[in-house]
């Protein structure tokens, strides 16, 4: 079914990356990191391709079969994990991000600093809906599918957003703001949010 939520795999890679790139084209964090809109439009698909591949290997990707919505999840044990910045990895990130690589590294570290400590939690790393399908409930549908797994495990879920309009949407899904913080040096404002598990009676 068009609106069914499934685990996405390698065969969904291209469509999923296009959805995420389009969904985050004007995201405050991405706009701060990749400041030139033309450069951002060129580099975002490459960044999303790296993130999709990373979550195929170490996380979970949920979305619709047509990738109208895509959500990237980190399971317990992988929330605060960062790939080693080897010379080879550094070269790859420079190819993806160009001169924005240092801002990207700074942003990643500040986000991690504001996530709750410990690994007994799930992390909703990213949720994106293709622009022509936004406002139709697909984001909530995909996120609830992931919440089923965190509830079954009896563990909380954490996320962050730099888009103030997302805060009430996440609140409707049971998340609460646990910190509100600005990136230094003119970066965007973030809301870190958490949802406690709903345990079966």
N, C-alpha and C. Protein backbone atom coordinates (compact mmCIF):
# COMPACT_ATOMS: atom_id res chain seq x y z
N UNK A 1 0.84 -1.20 0.00
CA UNK A 1 0.00 0.00 0.00
C UNK A 1 0.88 1.25 0.00
N UNK A 2 0.39 2.30 -0.62
CA UNK A 2 1.19 3.52 -0.79
C UNK A 2 1.63 4.10 0.54
N UNK A 3 0.74 4.09 1.54
CA UNK A 3 1.04 4.72 2.81
C UNK A 3 1.48 3.72 3.88
N UNK A 4 1.81 2.49 3.50
CA UNK A 4 2.32 1.55 4.48
C UNK A 4 3.77 1.91 4.80
N UNK A 5 4.19 1.63 6.01
CA UNK A 5 5.55 1.93 6.44
C UNK A 5 6.34 0.63 6.51
N UNK A 6 7.48 0.63 5.83
CA UNK A 6 8.32 -0.55 5.76
C UNK A 6 9.76 -0.18 6.11
N UNK A 7 10.59 -1.20 6.31
CA UNK A 7 12.02 -0.96 6.41
C UNK A 7 12.57 -0.75 5.00
N UNK A 8 13.26 0.34 4.80
CA UNK A 8 13.82 0.65 3.49
C UNK A 8 15.19 0.01 3.35
N UNK A 9 15.51 -0.39 2.12
CA UNK A 9 16.78 -1.05 1.86
C UNK A 9 17.55 -0.38 0.74
N UNK A 10 18.56 -1.06 0.27
CA UNK A 10 19.45 -0.50 -0.74
C UNK A 10 18.70 -0.11 -2.01
N UNK A 11 17.64 -0.84 -2.34
CA UNK A 11 16.89 -0.56 -3.56
C UNK A 11 16.13 0.77 -3.48
N UNK A 12 15.99 1.31 -2.26
CA UNK A 12 15.28 2.58 -2.07
C UNK A 12 16.24 3.77 -2.00
N UNK A 13 17.51 3.51 -2.13
CA UNK A 13 18.53 4.51 -1.85
C UNK A 13 18.34 5.80 -2.63
N UNK A 14 18.22 5.73 -3.92
CA UNK A 14 18.15 6.95 -4.73
C UNK A 14 16.92 7.77 -4.40
N UNK A 15 15.75 7.13 -4.35
CA UNK A 15 14.52 7.86 -4.07
C UNK A 15 14.53 8.44 -2.66
N UNK A 16 15.06 7.67 -1.70
CA UNK A 16 15.10 8.14 -0.32
C UNK A 16 16.01 9.36 -0.18
N UNK A 17 17.16 9.34 -0.84
CA UNK A 17 18.08 10.46 -0.75
C UNK A 17 17.51 11.72 -1.40
N UNK A 18 16.80 11.56 -2.48
CA UNK A 18 16.15 12.72 -3.12
C UNK A 18 15.08 13.31 -2.21
N UNK A 19 14.32 12.45 -1.53
CA UNK A 19 13.31 12.94 -0.59
C UNK A 19 13.95 13.71 0.55
N UNK A 20 14.99 13.14 1.16
CA UNK A 20 15.64 13.80 2.28
C UNK A 20 16.28 15.12 1.85
N UNK A 21 16.93 15.14 0.71
CA UNK A 21 17.56 16.37 0.23
C UNK A 21 16.52 17.46 0.00
N UNK A 22 15.39 17.10 -0.59
CA UNK A 22 14.33 18.08 -0.84
C UNK A 22 13.70 18.55 0.46
N UNK A 23 13.50 17.61 1.39
CA UNK A 23 12.85 17.96 2.66
C UNK A 23 13.71 18.89 3.50
N UNK A 24 15.03 18.78 3.40
CA UNK A 24 15.94 19.57 4.23
C UNK A 24 16.60 20.71 3.46
N UNK A 25 16.09 21.02 2.29
CA UNK A 25 16.70 22.07 1.46
C UNK A 25 16.74 23.42 2.16
N UNK A 26 15.72 23.72 2.99
CA UNK A 26 15.67 25.00 3.68
C UNK A 26 15.73 24.84 5.19
N UNK A 27 16.18 23.68 5.65
CA UNK A 27 16.33 23.43 7.07
C UNK A 27 17.34 24.41 7.67
N UNK A 28 17.05 25.00 8.85
CA UNK A 28 17.99 25.99 9.42
C UNK A 28 19.39 25.45 9.64
N UNK A 29 19.51 24.20 10.09
CA UNK A 29 20.84 23.65 10.34
C UNK A 29 21.60 23.43 9.03
N UNK A 30 20.92 22.88 8.03
CA UNK A 30 21.57 22.66 6.75
C UNK A 30 21.91 23.98 6.08
N UNK A 31 21.07 24.97 6.27
CA UNK A 31 21.32 26.28 5.68
C UNK A 31 22.50 26.98 6.34
N UNK A 32 22.69 26.73 7.64
CA UNK A 32 23.86 27.29 8.34
C UNK A 32 25.13 26.58 7.91
N UNK A 33 25.03 25.28 7.73
CA UNK A 33 26.20 24.49 7.37
C UNK A 33 26.61 24.73 5.93
N UNK A 34 25.63 24.70 5.02
CA UNK A 34 25.87 24.92 3.58
C UNK A 34 25.16 26.22 3.20
N UNK A 35 25.87 27.32 3.30
CA UNK A 35 25.22 28.62 3.30
C UNK A 35 24.76 29.09 1.92
N UNK A 36 25.46 28.71 0.90
CA UNK A 36 25.07 29.10 -0.46
C UNK A 36 23.99 28.14 -0.97
N UNK A 37 22.80 28.64 -1.33
CA UNK A 37 21.71 27.75 -1.76
C UNK A 37 22.08 26.87 -2.96
N UNK A 38 22.86 27.41 -3.88
CA UNK A 38 23.26 26.62 -5.04
C UNK A 38 24.19 25.48 -4.64
N UNK A 39 25.13 25.79 -3.77
CA UNK A 39 26.04 24.77 -3.27
C UNK A 39 25.25 23.74 -2.45
N UNK A 40 24.33 24.22 -1.64
CA UNK A 40 23.52 23.32 -0.81
C UNK A 40 22.72 22.35 -1.67
N UNK A 41 22.14 22.84 -2.73
CA UNK A 41 21.35 21.98 -3.63
C UNK A 41 22.22 20.91 -4.27
N UNK A 42 23.48 21.21 -4.51
CA UNK A 42 24.38 20.25 -5.13
C UNK A 42 24.93 19.24 -4.13
N UNK A 43 25.18 19.69 -2.90
CA UNK A 43 25.86 18.84 -1.93
C UNK A 43 24.91 18.03 -1.03
N UNK A 44 23.70 18.52 -0.81
CA UNK A 44 22.78 17.79 0.07
C UNK A 44 22.51 16.36 -0.38
N UNK A 45 22.25 16.10 -1.66
CA UNK A 45 22.03 14.70 -2.06
C UNK A 45 23.22 13.80 -1.72
N UNK A 46 24.45 14.32 -1.84
CA UNK A 46 25.61 13.51 -1.49
C UNK A 46 25.66 13.25 0.01
N UNK A 47 25.32 14.26 0.82
CA UNK A 47 25.30 14.07 2.26
C UNK A 47 24.23 13.06 2.66
N UNK A 48 23.05 13.17 2.06
CA UNK A 48 21.96 12.24 2.39
C UNK A 48 22.30 10.82 1.95
N UNK A 49 23.05 10.69 0.86
CA UNK A 49 23.48 9.37 0.42
C UNK A 49 24.40 8.74 1.46
N UNK A 50 25.31 9.55 2.01
CA UNK A 50 26.19 9.03 3.06
C UNK A 50 25.38 8.63 4.29
N UNK A 51 24.43 9.47 4.70
CA UNK A 51 23.63 9.18 5.89
C UNK A 51 22.76 7.94 5.69
N UNK A 52 22.19 7.80 4.50
CA UNK A 52 21.36 6.63 4.22
C UNK A 52 22.21 5.36 4.32
N UNK A 53 23.38 5.37 3.70
CA UNK A 53 24.26 4.20 3.73
C UNK A 53 24.69 3.88 5.16
N UNK A 54 25.00 4.92 5.92
CA UNK A 54 25.42 4.75 7.31
C UNK A 54 24.31 4.10 8.14
N UNK A 55 23.06 4.50 7.91
CA UNK A 55 21.95 3.95 8.69
C UNK A 55 21.53 2.57 8.18
N UNK A 56 21.79 2.28 6.93
CA UNK A 56 21.60 0.90 6.48
C UNK A 56 22.51 -0.04 7.24
N UNK A 57 23.72 0.42 7.53
CA UNK A 57 24.72 -0.43 8.16
C UNK A 57 24.56 -0.47 9.68
N UNK A 58 24.25 0.68 10.28
CA UNK A 58 24.29 0.77 11.74
C UNK A 58 22.97 1.14 12.39
N UNK A 59 21.94 1.40 11.61
CA UNK A 59 20.70 1.85 12.19
C UNK A 59 19.49 1.20 11.56
N UNK A 60 18.45 1.98 11.42
CA UNK A 60 17.18 1.50 10.88
C UNK A 60 16.59 2.63 10.03
N UNK A 61 16.05 2.29 8.87
CA UNK A 61 15.43 3.28 7.99
C UNK A 61 14.00 2.84 7.72
N UNK A 62 13.05 3.69 8.08
CA UNK A 62 11.63 3.40 7.87
C UNK A 62 11.03 4.44 6.95
N UNK A 63 10.14 4.01 6.08
CA UNK A 63 9.46 4.94 5.19
C UNK A 63 8.43 4.23 4.35
N UNK A 64 7.81 4.97 3.47
CA UNK A 64 6.86 4.37 2.54
C UNK A 64 7.61 3.70 1.40
N UNK A 65 6.99 2.72 0.72
CA UNK A 65 7.66 2.04 -0.39
C UNK A 65 8.16 2.99 -1.48
N UNK A 66 7.43 4.08 -1.70
CA UNK A 66 7.85 5.06 -2.70
C UNK A 66 8.74 6.15 -2.15
N UNK A 67 9.11 6.04 -0.88
CA UNK A 67 10.02 7.00 -0.22
C UNK A 67 9.44 8.41 -0.15
N UNK A 68 8.11 8.50 -0.08
CA UNK A 68 7.51 9.82 0.14
C UNK A 68 7.87 10.36 1.52
N UNK A 69 8.11 9.45 2.46
CA UNK A 69 8.62 9.81 3.78
C UNK A 69 9.77 8.86 4.10
N UNK A 70 10.81 9.41 4.73
CA UNK A 70 11.98 8.63 5.11
C UNK A 70 12.39 9.05 6.52
N UNK A 71 12.60 8.07 7.40
CA UNK A 71 13.08 8.36 8.74
C UNK A 71 14.32 7.51 9.03
N UNK A 72 15.33 8.15 9.63
CA UNK A 72 16.58 7.49 9.97
C UNK A 72 16.67 7.36 11.48
N UNK A 73 16.91 6.15 11.96
CA UNK A 73 16.94 5.86 13.40
C UNK A 73 18.27 5.24 13.80
N UNK A 74 18.74 5.63 14.98
CA UNK A 74 19.88 4.97 15.61
C UNK A 74 19.34 4.14 16.78
N UNK A 75 19.68 2.86 16.85
CA UNK A 75 19.21 2.01 17.93
C UNK A 75 20.06 2.20 19.19
N UNK A 76 19.62 1.66 20.32
CA UNK A 76 20.46 1.70 21.52
C UNK A 76 21.84 1.11 21.24
N UNK A 77 22.85 1.74 21.79
CA UNK A 77 24.21 1.31 21.55
C UNK A 77 24.90 2.05 20.42
N UNK A 78 24.13 2.79 19.62
CA UNK A 78 24.69 3.52 18.48
C UNK A 78 24.38 5.02 18.51
N UNK A 79 23.75 5.48 19.58
CA UNK A 79 23.25 6.86 19.62
C UNK A 79 24.39 7.87 19.57
N UNK A 80 25.42 7.66 20.37
CA UNK A 80 26.51 8.63 20.45
C UNK A 80 27.73 8.21 19.62
N UNK A 81 27.54 7.24 18.78
CA UNK A 81 28.66 6.73 17.99
C UNK A 81 29.03 7.69 16.86
N UNK A 82 30.32 7.89 16.68
CA UNK A 82 30.82 8.72 15.59
C UNK A 82 31.87 7.93 14.82
N UNK A 83 31.79 7.92 13.50
CA UNK A 83 32.83 7.21 12.74
C UNK A 83 34.19 7.86 12.93
N UNK A 84 35.21 7.06 12.98
CA UNK A 84 36.56 7.59 13.15
C UNK A 84 36.93 8.48 11.96
N UNK A 85 37.47 9.65 12.26
CA UNK A 85 37.84 10.59 11.20
C UNK A 85 39.25 10.25 10.72
N UNK A 86 39.35 9.15 9.99
CA UNK A 86 40.62 8.74 9.40
C UNK A 86 40.93 9.65 8.21
N UNK A 87 42.17 9.67 7.74
CA UNK A 87 42.48 10.48 6.55
C UNK A 87 41.56 10.15 5.37
N UNK A 88 41.27 8.85 5.19
CA UNK A 88 40.39 8.47 4.09
C UNK A 88 38.98 9.03 4.29
N UNK A 89 38.47 8.95 5.55
CA UNK A 89 37.14 9.48 5.85
C UNK A 89 37.11 10.99 5.68
N UNK A 90 38.19 11.66 6.10
CA UNK A 90 38.26 13.12 5.98
C UNK A 90 38.18 13.54 4.52
N UNK A 91 38.90 12.83 3.66
CA UNK A 91 38.87 13.14 2.23
C UNK A 91 37.46 12.96 1.67
N UNK A 92 36.78 11.89 2.12
CA UNK A 92 35.43 11.64 1.64
C UNK A 92 34.47 12.75 2.07
N UNK A 93 34.59 13.19 3.35
CA UNK A 93 33.70 14.25 3.82
C UNK A 93 33.98 15.58 3.13
N UNK A 94 35.23 15.83 2.81
CA UNK A 94 35.56 17.06 2.08
C UNK A 94 34.95 17.01 0.68
N UNK A 95 34.96 15.83 0.05
CA UNK A 95 34.33 15.70 -1.26
C UNK A 95 32.83 15.95 -1.18
N UNK A 96 32.21 15.53 -0.07
CA UNK A 96 30.77 15.70 0.10
C UNK A 96 30.42 17.14 0.46
N UNK A 97 31.19 17.73 1.41
CA UNK A 97 30.79 19.00 2.02
C UNK A 97 31.65 20.19 1.61
N UNK A 98 32.78 19.93 0.98
CA UNK A 98 33.64 21.05 0.60
C UNK A 98 34.12 21.81 1.82
N UNK A 99 34.11 23.13 1.74
CA UNK A 99 34.59 23.97 2.84
C UNK A 99 33.67 23.95 4.05
N UNK A 100 32.48 23.36 3.93
CA UNK A 100 31.53 23.29 5.05
C UNK A 100 31.85 22.15 6.00
N UNK A 101 32.91 21.39 5.73
CA UNK A 101 33.19 20.20 6.53
C UNK A 101 33.46 20.56 7.98
N UNK A 102 34.12 21.68 8.26
CA UNK A 102 34.39 22.05 9.64
C UNK A 102 33.12 22.47 10.37
N UNK A 103 32.23 23.18 9.69
CA UNK A 103 30.95 23.53 10.32
C UNK A 103 30.12 22.27 10.58
N UNK A 104 30.18 21.31 9.66
CA UNK A 104 29.45 20.06 9.84
C UNK A 104 29.96 19.31 11.06
N UNK A 105 31.27 19.25 11.23
CA UNK A 105 31.86 18.57 12.38
C UNK A 105 31.46 19.28 13.68
N UNK A 106 31.50 20.60 13.68
CA UNK A 106 31.11 21.37 14.86
C UNK A 106 29.64 21.14 15.20
N UNK A 107 28.79 21.15 14.18
CA UNK A 107 27.36 20.93 14.39
C UNK A 107 27.10 19.55 14.97
N UNK A 108 27.75 18.55 14.43
CA UNK A 108 27.57 17.17 14.90
C UNK A 108 27.95 17.04 16.36
N UNK A 109 29.04 17.66 16.75
CA UNK A 109 29.51 17.57 18.14
C UNK A 109 28.58 18.30 19.09
N UNK A 110 28.05 19.45 18.68
CA UNK A 110 27.14 20.19 19.55
C UNK A 110 25.81 19.45 19.71
N UNK A 111 25.32 18.85 18.65
CA UNK A 111 24.10 18.05 18.77
C UNK A 111 24.32 16.90 19.75
N UNK A 112 25.43 16.19 19.59
CA UNK A 112 25.72 15.06 20.46
C UNK A 112 25.84 15.50 21.92
N UNK A 113 26.41 16.66 22.14
CA UNK A 113 26.59 17.18 23.50
C UNK A 113 25.25 17.42 24.18
N UNK A 114 24.22 17.72 23.42
CA UNK A 114 22.91 18.03 24.00
C UNK A 114 21.94 16.86 24.00
N UNK A 115 22.36 15.71 23.49
CA UNK A 115 21.55 14.50 23.63
C UNK A 115 21.74 13.93 25.03
N UNK A 116 20.72 13.29 25.59
CA UNK A 116 20.91 12.65 26.90
C UNK A 116 22.05 11.65 26.85
N UNK A 117 22.78 11.54 27.95
CA UNK A 117 23.90 10.62 28.00
C UNK A 117 23.41 9.18 28.04
N UNK A 118 24.30 8.27 27.73
CA UNK A 118 23.96 6.85 27.80
C UNK A 118 23.41 6.34 26.48
N UNK A 119 23.30 5.03 26.41
CA UNK A 119 22.90 4.38 25.17
C UNK A 119 21.56 3.64 25.27
N UNK A 120 20.91 3.70 26.42
CA UNK A 120 19.62 3.00 26.56
C UNK A 120 18.50 3.90 26.05
N UNK A 121 18.54 4.19 24.78
CA UNK A 121 17.56 5.04 24.13
C UNK A 121 17.67 4.84 22.62
N UNK A 122 16.61 5.19 21.93
CA UNK A 122 16.62 5.26 20.47
C UNK A 122 16.82 6.73 20.10
N UNK A 123 17.35 6.97 18.90
CA UNK A 123 17.58 8.32 18.42
C UNK A 123 16.97 8.46 17.04
N UNK A 124 15.98 9.32 16.92
CA UNK A 124 15.41 9.64 15.62
C UNK A 124 16.30 10.70 14.99
N UNK A 125 17.21 10.27 14.15
CA UNK A 125 18.24 11.16 13.60
C UNK A 125 17.67 12.13 12.58
N UNK A 126 16.74 11.66 11.77
CA UNK A 126 16.22 12.50 10.70
C UNK A 126 14.87 11.98 10.23
N UNK A 127 13.95 12.89 9.95
CA UNK A 127 12.65 12.54 9.38
C UNK A 127 12.33 13.55 8.30
N UNK A 128 12.11 13.06 7.09
CA UNK A 128 11.84 13.95 5.97
C UNK A 128 10.70 13.47 5.12
N UNK A 129 9.85 14.41 4.72
CA UNK A 129 8.72 14.11 3.83
C UNK A 129 8.92 14.88 2.54
N UNK A 130 8.73 14.21 1.42
CA UNK A 130 8.86 14.87 0.12
C UNK A 130 7.93 16.08 0.07
N UNK A 131 8.39 17.24 -0.39
CA UNK A 131 7.60 18.46 -0.32
C UNK A 131 6.18 18.35 -0.85
N UNK A 132 5.95 17.58 -1.93
CA UNK A 132 4.60 17.49 -2.47
C UNK A 132 3.67 16.61 -1.63
N UNK A 133 4.22 15.93 -0.62
CA UNK A 133 3.40 15.08 0.25
C UNK A 133 3.38 15.58 1.69
N UNK A 134 3.94 16.74 1.94
CA UNK A 134 3.93 17.27 3.30
C UNK A 134 2.52 17.70 3.71
N UNK A 135 2.27 17.61 5.02
CA UNK A 135 0.97 18.00 5.55
C UNK A 135 -0.10 16.94 5.42
N UNK A 136 0.29 15.72 5.05
CA UNK A 136 -0.68 14.63 4.87
C UNK A 136 -0.55 13.53 5.93
N UNK A 137 0.25 13.77 6.96
CA UNK A 137 0.36 12.82 8.06
C UNK A 137 1.37 11.72 7.87
N UNK A 138 2.14 11.77 6.78
CA UNK A 138 3.10 10.69 6.52
C UNK A 138 4.24 10.67 7.53
N UNK A 139 4.69 11.85 7.94
CA UNK A 139 5.77 11.91 8.91
C UNK A 139 5.37 11.24 10.22
N UNK A 140 4.19 11.58 10.71
CA UNK A 140 3.70 10.97 11.94
C UNK A 140 3.53 9.47 11.81
N UNK A 141 3.08 9.04 10.64
CA UNK A 141 2.87 7.61 10.40
C UNK A 141 4.20 6.85 10.51
N UNK A 142 5.24 7.37 9.88
CA UNK A 142 6.54 6.70 9.92
C UNK A 142 7.16 6.75 11.31
N UNK A 143 7.03 7.88 11.99
CA UNK A 143 7.61 7.99 13.33
C UNK A 143 6.89 7.05 14.30
N UNK A 144 5.59 6.95 14.21
CA UNK A 144 4.86 6.02 15.10
C UNK A 144 5.31 4.59 14.89
N UNK A 145 5.66 4.23 13.67
CA UNK A 145 6.16 2.88 13.41
C UNK A 145 7.46 2.63 14.17
N UNK A 146 8.32 3.62 14.19
CA UNK A 146 9.55 3.50 14.96
C UNK A 146 9.29 3.48 16.45
N UNK A 147 8.31 4.26 16.89
CA UNK A 147 7.98 4.30 18.32
C UNK A 147 7.45 2.96 18.82
N UNK A 148 6.85 2.18 17.92
CA UNK A 148 6.40 0.85 18.30
C UNK A 148 7.59 0.02 18.79
N UNK A 149 8.73 0.19 18.13
CA UNK A 149 9.91 -0.59 18.51
C UNK A 149 10.49 -0.10 19.83
N UNK A 150 10.53 1.21 20.03
CA UNK A 150 11.06 1.73 21.30
C UNK A 150 10.13 1.37 22.46
N UNK A 151 8.82 1.39 22.22
CA UNK A 151 7.88 0.99 23.27
C UNK A 151 8.04 -0.49 23.61
N UNK A 152 8.23 -1.31 22.57
CA UNK A 152 8.40 -2.75 22.81
C UNK A 152 9.67 -3.01 23.62
N UNK A 153 10.69 -2.17 23.41
CA UNK A 153 11.94 -2.33 24.16
C UNK A 153 11.89 -1.64 25.52
N UNK A 154 10.84 -0.86 25.75
CA UNK A 154 10.73 -0.13 27.01
C UNK A 154 11.74 0.98 27.17
N UNK A 155 12.12 1.61 26.04
CA UNK A 155 13.16 2.64 26.06
C UNK A 155 12.66 3.96 25.49
N UNK A 156 13.22 5.07 25.92
CA UNK A 156 12.83 6.38 25.38
C UNK A 156 13.40 6.61 23.99
N UNK A 157 12.91 7.66 23.36
CA UNK A 157 13.40 8.11 22.06
C UNK A 157 13.80 9.58 22.19
N UNK A 158 14.92 9.95 21.59
CA UNK A 158 15.37 11.34 21.60
C UNK A 158 15.50 11.84 20.17
N UNK A 159 15.43 13.13 20.01
CA UNK A 159 15.61 13.78 18.71
C UNK A 159 15.98 15.23 18.94
N UNK A 160 16.39 15.91 17.86
CA UNK A 160 16.54 17.35 17.92
C UNK A 160 16.00 17.94 16.63
N UNK A 161 15.55 19.17 16.72
CA UNK A 161 15.08 19.88 15.53
C UNK A 161 15.51 21.33 15.63
N UNK A 162 15.83 21.91 14.49
CA UNK A 162 16.15 23.33 14.42
C UNK A 162 15.01 24.13 13.80
N UNK A 163 13.87 23.45 13.59
CA UNK A 163 12.70 24.09 12.99
C UNK A 163 11.62 24.23 14.05
N UNK A 164 11.33 25.46 14.45
CA UNK A 164 10.39 25.67 15.55
C UNK A 164 9.01 25.10 15.24
N UNK A 165 8.60 25.10 13.97
CA UNK A 165 7.30 24.57 13.60
C UNK A 165 7.18 23.07 13.81
N UNK A 166 8.32 22.38 13.94
CA UNK A 166 8.28 20.94 14.19
C UNK A 166 7.98 20.61 15.64
N UNK A 167 8.24 21.56 16.54
CA UNK A 167 8.09 21.27 17.97
C UNK A 167 6.68 20.82 18.33
N UNK A 168 5.62 21.54 17.93
CA UNK A 168 4.27 21.05 18.26
C UNK A 168 3.92 19.74 17.57
N UNK A 169 4.48 19.49 16.40
CA UNK A 169 4.22 18.21 15.71
C UNK A 169 4.80 17.05 16.51
N UNK A 170 6.01 17.23 17.03
CA UNK A 170 6.61 16.18 17.85
C UNK A 170 5.91 16.07 19.20
N UNK A 171 5.45 17.19 19.74
CA UNK A 171 4.70 17.12 21.00
C UNK A 171 3.45 16.27 20.83
N UNK A 172 2.80 16.39 19.67
CA UNK A 172 1.60 15.60 19.42
C UNK A 172 1.89 14.10 19.38
N UNK A 173 3.16 13.75 19.17
CA UNK A 173 3.57 12.35 19.15
C UNK A 173 4.09 11.89 20.51
N UNK A 174 4.02 12.77 21.50
CA UNK A 174 4.41 12.40 22.85
C UNK A 174 5.77 12.90 23.29
N UNK A 175 6.47 13.67 22.45
CA UNK A 175 7.77 14.20 22.82
C UNK A 175 7.63 15.47 23.64
N UNK A 176 8.60 15.69 24.51
CA UNK A 176 8.67 16.91 25.30
C UNK A 176 10.04 17.55 25.13
N UNK A 177 10.08 18.88 25.17
CA UNK A 177 11.36 19.59 25.06
C UNK A 177 12.15 19.38 26.34
N UNK A 178 13.39 18.92 26.22
CA UNK A 178 14.24 18.77 27.39
C UNK A 178 15.36 19.80 27.42
N UNK A 179 15.65 20.43 26.28
CA UNK A 179 16.59 21.56 26.26
C UNK A 179 16.38 22.36 24.99
N UNK A 180 16.67 23.66 25.12
CA UNK A 180 16.57 24.59 23.99
C UNK A 180 17.89 25.35 23.96
N UNK A 181 18.62 25.22 22.87
CA UNK A 181 19.98 25.74 22.87
C UNK A 181 20.37 26.30 21.51
N UNK A 182 21.20 27.33 21.51
CA UNK A 182 21.70 27.91 20.24
C UNK A 182 23.06 27.36 19.88
N UNK A 183 23.28 27.16 18.60
CA UNK A 183 24.63 26.91 18.11
C UNK A 183 25.42 28.20 18.24
N UNK A 184 26.69 28.13 18.65
CA UNK A 184 27.49 29.36 18.71
C UNK A 184 27.82 29.88 17.31
N UNK A 185 28.39 31.06 17.29
CA UNK A 185 28.85 31.69 16.05
C UNK A 185 27.73 31.85 15.03
N UNK A 186 26.57 32.27 15.52
CA UNK A 186 25.46 32.58 14.62
C UNK A 186 24.72 31.38 14.09
N UNK A 187 24.90 30.22 14.71
CA UNK A 187 24.19 29.03 14.26
C UNK A 187 22.73 29.04 14.68
N UNK A 188 21.96 28.05 14.23
CA UNK A 188 20.53 28.03 14.52
C UNK A 188 20.22 27.64 15.96
N UNK A 189 19.00 27.87 16.36
CA UNK A 189 18.50 27.45 17.65
C UNK A 189 17.94 26.03 17.52
N UNK A 190 18.21 25.19 18.52
CA UNK A 190 17.76 23.81 18.50
C UNK A 190 16.85 23.50 19.69
N UNK A 191 15.97 22.55 19.46
CA UNK A 191 15.16 21.97 20.52
C UNK A 191 15.50 20.48 20.58
N UNK A 192 16.03 20.03 21.71
CA UNK A 192 16.22 18.60 21.94
C UNK A 192 14.98 18.08 22.67
N UNK A 193 14.43 16.98 22.18
CA UNK A 193 13.18 16.48 22.71
C UNK A 193 13.30 14.98 23.03
N UNK A 194 12.48 14.51 23.95
CA UNK A 194 12.51 13.12 24.33
C UNK A 194 11.08 12.62 24.57
N UNK A 195 10.89 11.34 24.33
CA UNK A 195 9.60 10.69 24.58
C UNK A 195 9.85 9.43 25.40
N UNK A 196 9.14 9.31 26.52
CA UNK A 196 9.24 8.12 27.34
C UNK A 196 8.42 6.99 26.73
N UNK A 197 8.83 5.75 26.95
CA UNK A 197 8.08 4.64 26.34
C UNK A 197 6.69 4.48 26.95
N UNK A 198 5.78 4.03 26.13
CA UNK A 198 4.44 3.66 26.61
C UNK A 198 4.45 2.15 26.78
N UNK A 199 4.36 1.72 28.00
CA UNK A 199 4.49 0.30 28.30
C UNK A 199 3.14 -0.40 28.20
N UNK A 200 3.15 -1.60 27.66
CA UNK A 200 1.91 -2.39 27.55
C UNK A 200 1.42 -2.74 28.95
N UNK A 201 0.09 -2.72 29.18
CA UNK A 201 -0.44 -3.08 30.50
C UNK A 201 -0.18 -4.55 30.84
